[in-house]
Protein backbone atom coordinates (compact mmCIF):
# COMPACT_ATOMS: atom_id res chain seq x y z
CA MET A 1 -52.20 212.94 36.29
CA TRP A 2 -52.15 209.59 34.50
CA SER A 3 -52.24 208.19 30.99
CA TYR A 4 -55.72 207.14 29.91
CA TYR A 5 -57.29 205.91 26.70
CA GLY A 6 -58.60 208.87 24.70
CA THR A 7 -56.57 211.38 26.71
CA LYS A 8 -56.60 214.96 25.46
CA LYS A 9 -53.03 215.71 26.55
CA ARG A 10 -51.81 216.37 23.00
CA LEU A 11 -54.97 218.25 22.05
CA ALA A 12 -55.67 220.39 25.12
CA LYS A 13 -53.85 223.42 23.73
CA TYR A 14 -56.14 223.54 20.67
CA TYR A 15 -59.40 223.88 22.58
CA PRO A 16 -60.87 227.29 23.49
CA LYS A 17 -59.86 228.72 26.85
CA PRO A 18 -62.49 228.46 29.60
CA LYS A 19 -64.70 231.53 29.86
CA HIS A 20 -66.24 230.76 33.23
CA ASP A 21 -65.01 230.30 36.79
CA LEU A 22 -66.30 226.73 36.83
CA ILE A 23 -65.14 223.94 34.49
CA ILE A 24 -67.31 220.83 34.35
CA GLU A 25 -66.05 217.62 32.71
CA PRO A 26 -69.03 215.19 32.56
CA PHE A 27 -66.83 212.41 31.07
CA ALA A 28 -63.74 213.21 33.11
CA GLY A 29 -61.27 210.46 32.24
CA ALA A 30 -57.81 211.92 32.90
CA ALA A 31 -59.19 215.50 32.79
CA GLN A 32 -56.39 216.88 30.64
CA TYR A 33 -58.39 219.98 29.66
CA SER A 34 -58.81 221.02 33.29
CA LEU A 35 -55.13 220.33 33.95
CA PHE A 36 -53.87 222.28 30.95
CA GLY A 37 -52.13 225.62 31.44
CA ASP A 38 -53.82 227.67 34.14
CA ASN A 39 -57.20 225.98 33.71
CA TRP A 40 -56.63 224.07 36.95
CA LYS A 41 -56.93 227.32 38.92
CA LYS A 42 -60.63 227.42 38.10
CA ASN A 43 -63.23 225.61 40.15
CA VAL A 44 -63.38 222.15 38.59
CA LEU A 45 -66.10 219.52 38.82
CA LEU A 46 -65.27 216.10 37.40
CA CYS A 47 -67.86 213.40 36.75
CA ASP A 48 -67.29 209.88 35.48
CA LYS A 49 -69.58 206.88 35.32
CA TYR A 50 -66.66 204.44 35.59
CA PHE A 51 -66.25 204.09 39.35
CA ILE A 52 -62.53 203.30 39.10
CA VAL A 53 -61.78 206.63 37.40
CA ALA A 54 -63.85 208.50 39.99
CA LYS A 55 -62.15 206.62 42.83
CA VAL A 56 -58.66 207.47 41.55
CA TRP A 57 -59.58 211.15 41.29
CA MET A 58 -61.05 211.14 44.81
CA TYR A 59 -57.84 209.62 46.09
CA LEU A 60 -55.58 212.12 44.32
CA ILE A 61 -57.65 215.15 45.32
CA ASN A 62 -57.32 214.16 48.97
CA ALA A 63 -53.76 212.81 48.82
CA ARG A 64 -50.71 214.49 50.31
CA LYS A 65 -47.24 214.45 48.81
CA LYS A 66 -46.05 211.90 51.35
CA ASP A 67 -48.86 209.54 50.27
CA ILE A 68 -47.57 209.54 46.70
CA GLN A 69 -43.94 209.38 47.83
CA GLY A 70 -44.83 206.25 49.79
CA LEU A 71 -46.16 204.39 46.75
CA PRO A 72 -43.86 201.62 45.53
CA ASP A 73 -41.69 201.85 42.45
CA LEU A 74 -42.77 199.65 39.57
CA GLU A 75 -40.48 197.33 37.63
CA HIS A 76 -41.22 195.39 34.46
CA GLY A 77 -43.16 192.26 35.43
CA ASP A 78 -44.43 193.51 38.79
CA ASN A 79 -48.03 192.64 39.60
CA VAL A 80 -49.87 195.35 41.53
CA ASP A 81 -51.81 192.74 43.52
CA ASN A 82 -48.54 191.73 45.17
CA PHE A 83 -48.32 195.12 46.93
CA LYS A 84 -50.50 194.10 49.87
CA THR A 85 -50.41 197.42 51.73
CA LEU A 86 -52.02 199.38 48.90
CA ILE A 87 -55.62 200.49 49.08
CA ASN A 88 -57.80 199.89 46.01
CA ALA A 89 -57.46 203.44 44.67
CA GLU A 90 -53.66 203.26 44.88
CA ARG A 91 -53.65 199.90 43.14
CA ALA A 92 -55.86 201.33 40.38
CA LEU A 93 -53.58 204.36 39.96
CA LEU A 94 -50.55 202.13 39.56
CA GLY A 95 -52.59 199.91 37.24
CA PHE A 96 -53.17 202.80 34.85
CA PHE A 97 -49.43 203.33 34.67
CA CYS A 98 -48.65 199.61 34.16
CA ASN A 99 -49.66 199.85 30.52
CA PRO A 100 -50.03 203.55 29.56
CA SER A 101 -53.06 204.73 27.55
CA SER A 102 -55.23 201.82 28.68
CA ALA A 103 -58.96 202.24 29.28
CA MET A 104 -58.79 200.13 32.45
CA PRO A 105 -56.05 199.61 35.04
CA LYS A 106 -53.81 196.62 34.35
CA LYS A 107 -52.24 194.19 36.77
CA THR A 108 -48.78 193.57 35.33
CA CYS A 109 -46.26 196.30 34.62
CA THR A 110 -44.85 196.56 31.10
CA LYS A 111 -41.48 198.05 30.16
CA ARG A 112 -43.29 201.21 29.11
CA GLY A 113 -45.12 201.19 32.40
CA GLU A 114 -41.90 201.06 34.41
CA ILE A 115 -40.67 204.21 32.65
CA ALA A 116 -44.09 205.89 32.79
CA TRP A 117 -44.48 205.43 36.54
CA ALA A 118 -40.95 206.63 37.30
CA ARG A 119 -41.82 209.89 35.54
CA GLY A 120 -45.46 209.95 36.57
CA LYS A 121 -44.79 209.62 40.27
CA LYS A 122 -42.57 212.72 40.20
CA SER A 123 -45.11 214.60 38.09
CA ILE A 124 -48.00 213.81 40.44
CA ILE A 125 -46.00 214.98 43.45
CA LYS A 126 -45.10 218.19 41.64
CA ASN A 127 -48.66 218.93 40.52
CA LEU A 128 -50.73 217.58 43.40
CA HIS A 129 -51.44 221.08 44.73
CA LYS A 130 -53.30 221.95 41.53
CA ILE A 131 -56.24 219.65 42.23
CA SER A 132 -56.77 219.98 45.98
CA HIS A 133 -59.77 222.30 45.44
CA TRP A 134 -61.40 220.14 42.74
CA ASN A 135 -64.51 218.03 43.24
CA VAL A 136 -65.49 214.72 41.68
CA ILE A 137 -68.64 212.62 41.49
CA ASN A 138 -69.20 209.08 40.29
CA GLY A 139 -72.28 209.20 38.11
CA MET A 140 -73.95 209.81 34.78
CA TYR A 141 -73.30 212.97 32.82
CA ASP A 142 -76.95 214.01 33.07
CA ASP A 143 -76.85 213.76 36.86
CA ILE A 144 -75.10 217.14 36.87
CA SER A 145 -77.38 220.13 37.32
CA ASN A 146 -77.50 222.59 34.43
CA GLN A 147 -75.50 225.64 35.48
CA LYS A 148 -73.44 228.39 33.91
CA ALA A 149 -69.97 226.94 33.39
CA THR A 150 -67.42 225.87 30.81
CA TRP A 151 -68.64 222.41 29.89
CA PHE A 152 -65.84 220.29 28.43
CA ILE A 153 -67.68 217.25 27.14
CA ASP A 154 -65.49 214.38 25.96
CA PRO A 155 -67.69 211.26 25.71
CA PRO A 156 -66.62 207.87 24.39
CA TYR A 157 -66.53 208.45 20.64
CA LYS A 158 -69.38 206.99 18.62
CA HIS A 159 -66.85 205.31 16.33
CA GLY A 160 -63.96 204.12 18.47
CA GLY A 161 -65.26 204.23 22.03
CA ILE A 162 -65.64 200.47 22.33
CA TRP A 163 -62.42 200.08 24.30
CA TYR A 164 -63.71 201.82 27.41
CA HIS A 165 -65.00 199.88 30.38
CA SER A 166 -68.41 198.37 29.61
CA SER A 167 -70.12 200.68 32.13
CA CYS A 168 -69.34 203.75 30.02
CA CYS A 169 -68.72 202.52 26.46
CA ASN A 170 -70.57 203.89 23.45
CA ASN A 171 -73.06 201.01 23.40
CA HIS A 172 -74.69 202.65 26.43
CA ILE A 173 -74.89 206.17 25.00
CA ASP A 174 -77.89 207.60 23.19
CA TYR A 175 -76.10 210.14 21.01
CA ALA A 176 -79.28 211.89 19.93
CA TYR A 177 -80.14 212.48 23.57
CA LEU A 178 -76.55 213.51 24.33
CA ALA A 179 -76.60 216.04 21.47
CA LYS A 180 -79.77 217.64 22.82
CA TRP A 181 -78.32 217.66 26.34
CA CYS A 182 -75.12 219.35 25.16
CA LYS A 183 -77.04 222.10 23.35
CA GLU A 184 -79.07 222.81 26.48
CA ARG A 185 -76.08 223.42 28.78
CA GLN A 186 -75.73 226.93 30.14
CA GLY A 187 -72.53 228.83 29.43
CA GLN A 188 -69.66 227.69 27.21
CA VAL A 189 -69.93 224.24 25.62
CA ILE A 190 -67.01 222.32 24.06
CA VAL A 191 -67.75 218.82 22.73
CA CYS A 192 -65.04 216.45 21.48
CA GLU A 193 -65.33 213.77 18.77
CA ASN A 194 -63.58 212.43 15.69
CA SER A 195 -64.44 213.15 12.08
CA LYS A 196 -66.63 210.06 11.60
CA ALA A 197 -69.24 211.47 13.96
CA ASN A 198 -72.20 213.57 12.87
CA TRP A 199 -74.47 213.68 15.93
CA LEU A 200 -73.58 217.38 16.30
CA PRO A 201 -72.41 219.90 13.68
CA PHE A 202 -68.72 219.36 14.40
CA LYS A 203 -65.87 221.27 12.79
CA ASN A 204 -62.27 220.19 12.30
CA LEU A 205 -59.91 220.87 15.20
CA HIS A 206 -56.58 219.10 14.62
CA GLU A 207 -55.14 216.09 12.82
CA LEU A 208 -53.40 213.48 14.94
CA SER A 209 -50.87 210.96 13.65
CA GLY A 210 -51.17 207.57 15.31
CA GLN A 211 -49.06 204.44 15.00
CA LEU A 212 -51.25 203.07 12.19
CA HIS A 213 -53.10 206.03 10.69
CA LYS A 214 -54.05 209.67 11.00
CA THR A 215 -57.27 210.84 12.59
CA MET A 216 -59.02 214.18 12.53
CA GLU A 217 -60.26 215.46 15.87
CA VAL A 218 -63.37 217.61 15.62
CA VAL A 219 -65.17 219.94 18.02
CA TYR A 220 -68.58 221.48 18.62
CA GLU A 221 -68.73 224.83 20.36
CA LYS A 222 -71.59 226.85 21.79
């Protein structure tokens, strides 16, 4: 629904299809796996420790098309705080579009943001029906009860997750504990990382070309 740092939009098609009726994303972010293809038709439970991400999802899940249609257009240089009628979740949603691929919502709209929101607003309206049955919680990944599901686990990467909000960055993650927790989940388990990580026996998934260098995305499956 929006552009977020570490998004799996380009990678979603490479991951295994969900085997269960319930998809759980314990580090939800922009939830591109659950949105991909027909995955959205499943029951989906999103969880994110960063309260802003959870709040935006709560807003979108409960929003109607006219709510999104009523959001202001963004132009280069606009500051979201100047839109006084917006509620906090709407301001955060616009903030994520102000500078696409950011880990936190921004205040001032960039040129890229102006283009991104013009497209994004239409896309949200078109796809809003897909998420009306989803659920979201604001909390820790290990707050979720262990149940049979497709667990799509995309934590802040051990090497590179420093750009996330301080409440959920890699400095607060015990990767040994997380590895054990992942292995104990019931059902299908898909864990995302990059090739520098070794806290699980990852295998290569797909090479991505960035602006400065290439990176190899890896995956653990159970």
